[in-house]
Amino acid sequence: MRNALLIYFVLVNVLLFILMGIDKKKARQNAWRIPERNLLLLGLFGGGLGGLSGMHHFRHKTKHPRFKLVYVLGTLLSGLASCFFL
């Protein structure tokens, strides 16, 4: 179970980081965007660190306090889960 949880956290963080970059690119092109709900849910369910990294790296969603709040909360929750299960 330890390995599965670790793999999950790595994959969801990498996925959210990539999606933040894709969404930023689409925003610049005025194209179809990734729904904010999806980005927030991924951040809450273990991808907070990837979301925060994506916000910083791509300078995306930085003016939306709820993104920062949800990503910090997701990071804290994944840290707690790591303490108990890893």
PDB file of N, CA and C in Angstrom:
ATOM      1  N   MET A   1       0.817  -1.187   0.000  1.00  0.00           N
ATOM      2  CA  MET A   1       0.000   0.000   0.000  1.00  0.00           C
ATOM      3  C   MET A   1       0.868   1.261   0.000  1.00  0.00           C
ATOM      4  N   ARG A   2       2.025   1.172   0.664  1.00  0.00           N
ATOM      5  CA  ARG A   2       2.921   2.332   0.695  1.00  0.00           C
ATOM      6  C   ARG A   2       3.319   2.775  -0.698  1.00  0.00           C
ATOM      7  N   ASN A   3       3.726   1.804  -1.504  1.00  0.00           N
ATOM      8  CA  ASN A   3       4.170   2.147  -2.857  1.00  0.00           C
ATOM      9  C   ASN A   3       3.036   2.703  -3.708  1.00  0.00           C
ATOM     10  N   ALA A   4       1.851   2.125  -3.560  1.00  0.00           N
ATOM     11  CA  ALA A   4       0.708   2.595  -4.347  1.00  0.00           C
ATOM     12  C   ALA A   4       0.361   4.037  -3.986  1.00  0.00           C
ATOM     13  N   LEU A   5       0.391   4.364  -2.699  1.00  0.00           N
ATOM     14  CA  LEU A   5       0.082   5.726  -2.275  1.00  0.00           C
ATOM     15  C   LEU A   5       1.142   6.711  -2.760  1.00  0.00           C
ATOM     16  N   LEU A   6       2.383   6.314  -2.681  1.00  0.00           N
ATOM     17  CA  LEU A   6       3.473   7.160  -3.154  1.00  0.00           C
ATOM     18  C   LEU A   6       3.354   7.412  -4.661  1.00  0.00           C
ATOM     19  N   ILE A   7       3.082   6.368  -5.412  1.00  0.00           N
ATOM     20  CA  ILE A   7       2.911   6.501  -6.861  1.00  0.00           C
ATOM     21  C   ILE A   7       1.721   7.411  -7.172  1.00  0.00           C
ATOM     22  N   TYR A   8       0.634   7.233  -6.414  1.00  0.00           N
ATOM     23  CA  TYR A   8      -0.551   8.079  -6.610  1.00  0.00           C
ATOM     24  C   TYR A   8      -0.203   9.553  -6.414  1.00  0.00           C
ATOM     25  N   PHE A   9       0.467   9.871  -5.304  1.00  0.00           N
ATOM     26  CA  PHE A   9       0.811  11.269  -5.024  1.00  0.00           C
ATOM     27  C   PHE A   9       1.722  11.853  -6.096  1.00  0.00           C
ATOM     28  N   VAL A  10       2.684  11.085  -6.548  1.00  0.00           N
ATOM     29  CA  VAL A  10       3.588  11.576  -7.596  1.00  0.00           C
ATOM     30  C   VAL A  10       2.803  11.833  -8.881  1.00  0.00           C
ATOM     31  N   LEU A  11       1.971  10.878  -9.278  1.00  0.00           N
ATOM     32  CA  LEU A  11       1.230  11.016 -10.534  1.00  0.00           C
ATOM     33  C   LEU A  11       0.234  12.171 -10.501  1.00  0.00           C
ATOM     34  N   VAL A  12      -0.505  12.320  -9.412  1.00  0.00           N
ATOM     35  CA  VAL A  12      -1.510  13.388  -9.358  1.00  0.00           C
ATOM     36  C   VAL A  12      -0.836  14.760  -9.321  1.00  0.00           C
ATOM     37  N   ASN A  13       0.320  14.873  -8.676  1.00  0.00           N
ATOM     38  CA  ASN A  13       1.030  16.149  -8.654  1.00  0.00           C
ATOM     39  C   ASN A  13       1.617  16.486 -10.018  1.00  0.00           C
ATOM     40  N   VAL A  14       2.188  15.518 -10.691  1.00  0.00           N
ATOM     41  CA  VAL A  14       2.728  15.748 -12.033  1.00  0.00           C
ATOM     42  C   VAL A  14       1.591  16.095 -12.993  1.00  0.00           C
ATOM     43  N   LEU A  15       0.475  15.373 -12.887  1.00  0.00           N
ATOM     44  CA  LEU A  15      -0.670  15.641 -13.750  1.00  0.00           C
ATOM     45  C   LEU A  15      -1.189  17.062 -13.556  1.00  0.00           C
ATOM     46  N   LEU A  16      -1.351  17.494 -12.312  1.00  0.00           N
ATOM     47  CA  LEU A  16      -1.864  18.839 -12.072  1.00  0.00           C
ATOM     48  C   LEU A  16      -0.881  19.901 -12.550  1.00  0.00           C
ATOM     49  N   PHE A  17       0.399  19.675 -12.361  1.00  0.00           N
ATOM     50  CA  PHE A  17       1.403  20.618 -12.861  1.00  0.00           C
ATOM     51  C   PHE A  17       1.275  20.769 -14.376  1.00  0.00           C
ATOM     52  N   ILE A  18       1.167  19.659 -15.080  1.00  0.00           N
ATOM     53  CA  ILE A  18       1.041  19.683 -16.539  1.00  0.00           C
ATOM     54  C   ILE A  18      -0.261  20.365 -16.958  1.00  0.00           C
ATOM     55  N   LEU A  19      -1.355  20.051 -16.266  1.00  0.00           N
ATOM     56  CA  LEU A  19      -2.638  20.661 -16.604  1.00  0.00           C
ATOM     57  C   LEU A  19      -2.627  22.170 -16.377  1.00  0.00           C
ATOM     58  N   MET A  20      -1.910  22.632 -15.369  1.00  0.00           N
ATOM     59  CA  MET A  20      -1.797  24.076 -15.149  1.00  0.00           C
ATOM     60  C   MET A  20      -1.099  24.733 -16.341  1.00  0.00           C
ATOM     61  N   GLY A  21      -0.064  24.079 -16.863  1.00  0.00           N
ATOM     62  CA  GLY A  21       0.630  24.606 -18.035  1.00  0.00           C
ATOM     63  C   GLY A  21      -0.252  24.607 -19.274  1.00  0.00           C
ATOM     64  N   ILE A  22      -1.002  23.528 -19.469  1.00  0.00           N
ATOM     65  CA  ILE A  22      -1.911  23.442 -20.613  1.00  0.00           C
ATOM     66  C   ILE A  22      -2.987  24.509 -20.516  1.00  0.00           C
ATOM     67  N   ASP A  23      -3.556  24.675 -19.324  1.00  0.00           N
ATOM     68  CA  ASP A  23      -4.617  25.658 -19.148  1.00  0.00           C
ATOM     69  C   ASP A  23      -4.102  27.077 -19.381  1.00  0.00           C
ATOM     70  N   LYS A  24      -2.899  27.356 -18.944  1.00  0.00           N
ATOM     71  CA  LYS A  24      -2.304  28.683 -19.180  1.00  0.00           C
ATOM     72  C   LYS A  24      -2.124  28.932 -20.680  1.00  0.00           C
ATOM     73  N   LYS A  25      -1.628  27.919 -21.382  1.00  0.00           N
ATOM     74  CA  LYS A  25      -1.436  28.051 -22.828  1.00  0.00           C
ATOM     75  C   LYS A  25      -2.774  28.285 -23.527  1.00  0.00           C
ATOM     76  N   LYS A  26      -3.786  27.540 -23.126  1.00  0.00           N
ATOM     77  CA  LYS A  26      -5.112  27.696 -23.732  1.00  0.00           C
ATOM     78  C   LYS A  26      -5.705  29.062 -23.401  1.00  0.00           C
ATOM     79  N   ALA A  27      -5.422  29.571 -22.206  1.00  0.00           N
ATOM     80  CA  ALA A  27      -5.926  30.901 -21.832  1.00  0.00           C
ATOM     81  C   ALA A  27      -5.326  31.974 -22.740  1.00  0.00           C
ATOM     82  N   ARG A  28      -4.067  31.843 -23.055  1.00  0.00           N
ATOM     83  CA  ARG A  28      -3.418  32.814 -23.941  1.00  0.00           C
ATOM     84  C   ARG A  28      -3.979  32.756 -25.356  1.00  0.00           C
ATOM     85  N   GLN A  29      -4.440  31.567 -25.763  1.00  0.00           N
ATOM     86  CA  GLN A  29      -4.963  31.380 -27.115  1.00  0.00           C
ATOM     87  C   GLN A  29      -6.476  31.598 -27.199  1.00  0.00           C
ATOM     88  N   ASN A  30      -7.090  31.954 -26.088  1.00  0.00           N
ATOM     89  CA  ASN A  30      -8.549  32.075 -26.012  1.00  0.00           C
ATOM     90  C   ASN A  30      -9.239  30.814 -26.506  1.00  0.00           C
ATOM     91  N   ALA A  31      -8.703  29.676 -26.133  1.00  0.00           N
ATOM     92  CA  ALA A  31      -9.244  28.381 -26.543  1.00  0.00           C
ATOM     93  C   ALA A  31     -10.014  27.750 -25.385  1.00  0.00           C
ATOM     94  N   TRP A  32     -10.553  26.558 -25.642  1.00  0.00           N
ATOM     95  CA  TRP A  32     -11.261  25.805 -24.608  1.00  0.00           C
ATOM     96  C   TRP A  32     -10.344  25.616 -23.411  1.00  0.00           C
ATOM     97  N   ARG A  33     -10.884  25.792 -22.215  1.00  0.00           N
ATOM     98  CA  ARG A  33     -10.098  25.736 -20.981  1.00  0.00           C
ATOM     99  C   ARG A  33     -10.462  24.506 -20.164  1.00  0.00           C
ATOM    100  N   ILE A  34      -9.551  24.121 -19.298  1.00  0.00           N
ATOM    101  CA  ILE A  34      -9.808  23.056 -18.332  1.00  0.00           C
ATOM    102  C   ILE A  34     -10.694  23.659 -17.243  1.00  0.00           C
ATOM    103  N   PRO A  35     -11.804  23.012 -16.908  1.00  0.00           N
ATOM    104  CA  PRO A  35     -12.688  23.572 -15.885  1.00  0.00           C
ATOM    105  C   PRO A  35     -11.960  23.766 -14.547  1.00  0.00           C
ATOM    106  N   GLU A  36     -12.212  24.913 -13.916  1.00  0.00           N
ATOM    107  CA  GLU A  36     -11.572  25.220 -12.633  1.00  0.00           C
ATOM    108  C   GLU A  36     -11.877  24.141 -11.601  1.00  0.00           C
ATOM    109  N   ARG A  37     -13.077  23.612 -11.660  1.00  0.00           N
ATOM    110  CA  ARG A  37     -13.478  22.561 -10.710  1.00  0.00           C
ATOM    111  C   ARG A  37     -12.519  21.375 -10.774  1.00  0.00           C
ATOM    112  N   ASN A  38     -12.122  20.985 -11.966  1.00  0.00           N
ATOM    113  CA  ASN A  38     -11.204  19.852 -12.121  1.00  0.00           C
ATOM    114  C   ASN A  38      -9.832  20.153 -11.519  1.00  0.00           C
ATOM    115  N   LEU A  39      -9.352  21.365 -11.763  1.00  0.00           N
ATOM    116  CA  LEU A  39      -8.056  21.755 -11.210  1.00  0.00           C
ATOM    117  C   LEU A  39      -8.102  21.778  -9.681  1.00  0.00           C
ATOM    118  N   LEU A  40      -9.197  22.285  -9.141  1.00  0.00           N
ATOM    119  CA  LEU A  40      -9.336  22.358  -7.691  1.00  0.00           C
ATOM    120  C   LEU A  40      -9.459  20.967  -7.063  1.00  0.00           C
ATOM    121  N   LEU A  41     -10.237  20.089  -7.685  1.00  0.00           N
ATOM    122  CA  LEU A  41     -10.402  18.741  -7.138  1.00  0.00           C
ATOM    123  C   LEU A  41      -9.087  17.956  -7.152  1.00  0.00           C
ATOM    124  N   LEU A  42      -8.331  18.081  -8.226  1.00  0.00           N
ATOM    125  CA  LEU A  42      -7.031  17.411  -8.265  1.00  0.00           C
ATOM    126  C   LEU A  42      -6.110  17.937  -7.167  1.00  0.00           C
ATOM    127  N   GLY A  43      -6.163  19.230  -6.929  1.00  0.00           N
ATOM    128  CA  GLY A  43      -5.350  19.821  -5.872  1.00  0.00           C
ATOM    129  C   GLY A  43      -5.767  19.348  -4.503  1.00  0.00           C
ATOM    130  N   LEU A  44      -7.052  19.204  -4.293  1.00  0.00           N
ATOM    131  CA  LEU A  44      -7.559  18.775  -3.000  1.00  0.00           C
ATOM    132  C   LEU A  44      -7.267  17.304  -2.732  1.00  0.00           C
ATOM    133  N   PHE A  45      -7.303  16.487  -3.769  1.00  0.00           N
ATOM    134  CA  PHE A  45      -7.095  15.058  -3.612  1.00  0.00           C
ATOM    135  C   PHE A  45      -5.655  14.635  -3.873  1.00  0.00           C
ATOM    136  N   GLY A  46      -4.725  15.398  -3.341  1.00  0.00           N
ATOM    137  CA  GLY A  46      -3.339  14.974  -3.342  1.00  0.00           C
ATOM    138  C   GLY A  46      -2.403  15.729  -4.253  1.00  0.00           C
ATOM    139  N   GLY A  47      -2.923  16.607  -5.088  1.00  0.00           N
ATOM    140  CA  GLY A  47      -2.063  17.295  -6.041  1.00  0.00           C
ATOM    141  C   GLY A  47      -1.715  18.720  -5.667  1.00  0.00           C
ATOM    142  N   GLY A  48      -1.842  19.055  -4.409  1.00  0.00           N
ATOM    143  CA  GLY A  48      -1.614  20.429  -3.975  1.00  0.00           C
ATOM    144  C   GLY A  48      -0.236  20.965  -4.300  1.00  0.00           C
ATOM    145  N   LEU A  49       0.767  20.159  -4.103  1.00  0.00           N
ATOM    146  CA  LEU A  49       2.136  20.605  -4.371  1.00  0.00           C
ATOM    147  C   LEU A  49       2.348  20.853  -5.865  1.00  0.00           C
ATOM    148  N   GLY A  50       1.792  19.987  -6.699  1.00  0.00           N
ATOM    149  CA  GLY A  50       1.870  20.195  -8.143  1.00  0.00           C
ATOM    150  C   GLY A  50       1.115  21.438  -8.573  1.00  0.00           C
ATOM    151  N   GLY A  51      -0.016  21.702  -7.916  1.00  0.00           N
ATOM    152  CA  GLY A  51      -0.790  22.904  -8.216  1.00  0.00           C
ATOM    153  C   GLY A  51      -0.053  24.173  -7.825  1.00  0.00           C
ATOM    154  N   LEU A  52       0.529  24.165  -6.630  1.00  0.00           N
ATOM    155  CA  LEU A  52       1.299  25.331  -6.192  1.00  0.00           C
ATOM    156  C   LEU A  52       2.513  25.558  -7.085  1.00  0.00           C
ATOM    157  N   SER A  53       3.168  24.477  -7.461  1.00  0.00           N
ATOM    158  CA  SER A  53       4.323  24.589  -8.362  1.00  0.00           C
ATOM    159  C   SER A  53       3.897  25.123  -9.722  1.00  0.00           C
ATOM    160  N   GLY A  54       2.752  24.639 -10.222  1.00  0.00           N
ATOM    161  CA  GLY A  54       2.233  25.116 -11.502  1.00  0.00           C
ATOM    162  C   GLY A  54       1.846  26.577 -11.452  1.00  0.00           C
ATOM    163  N   MET A  55       1.246  26.994 -10.335  1.00  0.00           N
ATOM    164  CA  MET A  55       0.893  28.406 -10.179  1.00  0.00           C
ATOM    165  C   MET A  55       2.140  29.278 -10.265  1.00  0.00           C
ATOM    166  N   HIS A  56       3.174  28.852  -9.589  1.00  0.00           N
ATOM    167  CA  HIS A  56       4.411  29.635  -9.557  1.00  0.00           C
ATOM    168  C   HIS A  56       5.134  29.603 -10.907  1.00  0.00           C
ATOM    169  N   HIS A  57       5.301  28.399 -11.446  1.00  0.00           N
ATOM    170  CA  HIS A  57       6.084  28.235 -12.676  1.00  0.00           C
ATOM    171  C   HIS A  57       5.418  28.905 -13.882  1.00  0.00           C
ATOM    172  N   PHE A  58       4.110  28.685 -14.031  1.00  0.00           N
ATOM    173  CA  PHE A  58       3.396  29.218 -15.199  1.00  0.00           C
ATOM    174  C   PHE A  58       2.747  30.565 -14.933  1.00  0.00           C
ATOM    175  N   ARG A  59       2.839  31.062 -13.707  1.00  0.00           N
ATOM    176  CA  ARG A  59       2.168  32.296 -13.300  1.00  0.00           C
ATOM    177  C   ARG A  59       0.695  32.240 -13.697  1.00  0.00           C
ATOM    178  N   HIS A  60       0.056  31.180 -13.229  1.00  0.00           N
ATOM    179  CA  HIS A  60      -1.322  30.896 -13.618  1.00  0.00           C
ATOM    180  C   HIS A  60      -2.202  30.751 -12.379  1.00  0.00           C
ATOM    181  N   LYS A  61      -3.344  31.386 -12.396  1.00  0.00           N
ATOM    182  CA  LYS A  61      -4.327  31.360 -11.308  1.00  0.00           C
ATOM    183  C   LYS A  61      -3.785  31.989 -10.030  1.00  0.00           C
ATOM    184  N   THR A  62      -2.822  32.868 -10.139  1.00  0.00           N
ATOM    185  CA  THR A  62      -2.208  33.472  -8.957  1.00  0.00           C
ATOM    186  C   THR A  62      -3.094  34.541  -8.326  1.00  0.00           C
ATOM    187  N   LYS A  63      -4.062  35.046  -9.061  1.00  0.00           N
ATOM    188  CA  LYS A  63      -4.951  36.072  -8.516  1.00  0.00           C
ATOM    189  C   LYS A  63      -6.237  35.475  -7.943  1.00  0.00           C
ATOM    190  N   HIS A  64      -6.297  34.164  -7.883  1.00  0.00           N
ATOM    191  CA  HIS A  64      -7.465  33.470  -7.350  1.00  0.00           C
ATOM    192  C   HIS A  64      -7.109  32.863  -5.992  1.00  0.00           C
ATOM    193  N   PRO A  65      -7.508  33.510  -4.900  1.00  0.00           N
ATOM    194  CA  PRO A  65      -7.130  33.013  -3.570  1.00  0.00           C
ATOM    195  C   PRO A  65      -7.627  31.600  -3.286  1.00  0.00           C
ATOM    196  N   ARG A  66      -8.751  31.214  -3.877  1.00  0.00           N
ATOM    197  CA  ARG A  66      -9.257  29.870  -3.578  1.00  0.00           C
ATOM    198  C   ARG A  66      -8.335  28.787  -4.124  1.00  0.00           C
ATOM    199  N   PHE A  67      -7.645  29.054  -5.206  1.00  0.00           N
ATOM    200  CA  PHE A  67      -6.703  28.067  -5.725  1.00  0.00           C
ATOM    201  C   PHE A  67      -5.558  27.863  -4.740  1.00  0.00           C
ATOM    202  N   LYS A  68      -5.014  28.957  -4.259  1.00  0.00           N
ATOM    203  CA  LYS A  68      -3.916  28.856  -3.299  1.00  0.00           C
ATOM    204  C   LYS A  68      -4.387  28.142  -2.031  1.00  0.00           C
ATOM    205  N   LEU A  69      -5.570  28.500  -1.551  1.00  0.00           N
ATOM    206  CA  LEU A  69      -6.116  27.884  -0.341  1.00  0.00           C
ATOM    207  C   LEU A  69      -6.324  26.383  -0.522  1.00  0.00           C
ATOM    208  N   VAL A  70      -6.946  25.990  -1.621  1.00  0.00           N
ATOM    209  CA  VAL A  70      -7.213  24.571  -1.869  1.00  0.00           C
ATOM    210  C   VAL A  70      -5.913  23.809  -2.081  1.00  0.00           C
ATOM    211  N   TYR A  71      -4.957  24.390  -2.779  1.00  0.00           N
ATOM    212  CA  TYR A  71      -3.695  23.694  -3.022  1.00  0.00           C
ATOM    213  C   TYR A  71      -2.885  23.543  -1.740  1.00  0.00           C
ATOM    214  N   VAL A  72      -2.899  24.548  -0.883  1.00  0.00           N
ATOM    215  CA  VAL A  72      -2.212  24.425   0.413  1.00  0.00           C
ATOM    216  C   VAL A  72      -2.905  23.366   1.260  1.00  0.00           C
ATOM    217  N   LEU A  73      -4.239  23.384   1.275  1.00  0.00           N
ATOM    218  CA  LEU A  73      -4.986  22.376   2.025  1.00  0.00           C
ATOM    219  C   LEU A  73      -4.700  20.976   1.480  1.00  0.00           C
ATOM    220  N   GLY A  74      -4.678  20.836   0.176  1.00  0.00           N
ATOM    221  CA  GLY A  74      -4.367  19.539  -0.433  1.00  0.00           C
ATOM    222  C   GLY A  74      -2.970  19.063  -0.089  1.00  0.00           C
ATOM    223  N   THR A  75      -2.026  19.987  -0.034  1.00  0.00           N
ATOM    224  CA  THR A  75      -0.659  19.634   0.340  1.00  0.00           C
ATOM    225  C   THR A  75      -0.615  19.165   1.794  1.00  0.00           C
ATOM    226  N   LEU A  76      -1.317  19.864   2.667  1.00  0.00           N
ATOM    227  CA  LEU A  76      -1.355  19.464   4.073  1.00  0.00           C
ATOM    228  C   LEU A  76      -2.024  18.099   4.255  1.00  0.00           C
ATOM    229  N   LEU A  77      -3.116  17.875   3.549  1.00  0.00           N
ATOM    230  CA  LEU A  77      -3.806  16.594   3.641  1.00  0.00           C
ATOM    231  C   LEU A  77      -2.949  15.442   3.122  1.00  0.00           C
ATOM    232  N   SER A  78      -2.248  15.666   2.023  1.00  0.00           N
ATOM    233  CA  SER A  78      -1.381  14.608   1.502  1.00  0.00           C
ATOM    234  C   SER A  78      -0.202  14.373   2.441  1.00  0.00           C
ATOM    235  N   GLY A  79       0.267  15.430   3.094  1.00  0.00           N
ATOM    236  CA  GLY A  79       1.322  15.263   4.095  1.00  0.00           C
ATOM    237  C   GLY A  79       0.844  14.445   5.278  1.00  0.00           C
ATOM    238  N   LEU A  80      -0.375  14.708   5.743  1.00  0.00           N
ATOM    239  CA  LEU A  80      -0.942  13.913   6.831  1.00  0.00           C
ATOM    240  C   LEU A  80      -1.117  12.457   6.426  1.00  0.00           C
ATOM    241  N   ALA A  81      -1.621  12.250   5.230  1.00  0.00           N
ATOM    242  CA  ALA A  81      -1.797  10.867   4.739  1.00  0.00           C
ATOM    243  C   ALA A  81      -0.454  10.165   4.657  1.00  0.00           C
ATOM    244  N   SER A  82       0.571  10.883   4.243  1.00  0.00           N
ATOM    245  CA  SER A  82       1.918  10.298   4.160  1.00  0.00           C
ATOM    246  C   SER A  82       2.426   9.891   5.532  1.00  0.00           C
ATOM    247  N   CYS A  83       2.143  10.713   6.539  1.00  0.00           N
ATOM    248  CA  CYS A  83       2.581  10.392   7.895  1.00  0.00           C
ATOM    249  C   CYS A  83       1.949   9.104   8.414  1.00  0.00           C
ATOM    250  N   PHE A  84       0.702   8.887   8.065  1.00  0.00           N
ATOM    251  CA  PHE A  84       0.003   7.717   8.576  1.00  0.00           C
ATOM    252  C   PHE A  84       0.224   6.465   7.742  1.00  0.00           C
ATOM    253  N   PHE A  85       0.434   6.616   6.443  1.00  0.00           N
ATOM    254  CA  PHE A  85       0.473   5.442   5.563  1.00  0.00           C
ATOM    255  C   PHE A  85       1.825   5.149   4.929  1.00  0.00           C
ATOM    256  N   LEU A  86       2.767   6.066   4.988  1.00  0.00           N
ATOM    257  CA  LEU A  86       4.071   5.801   4.367  1.00  0.00           C
ATOM    258  C   LEU A  86       5.118   5.485   5.382  1.00  0.00           C
TER     259      LEU A  86
END
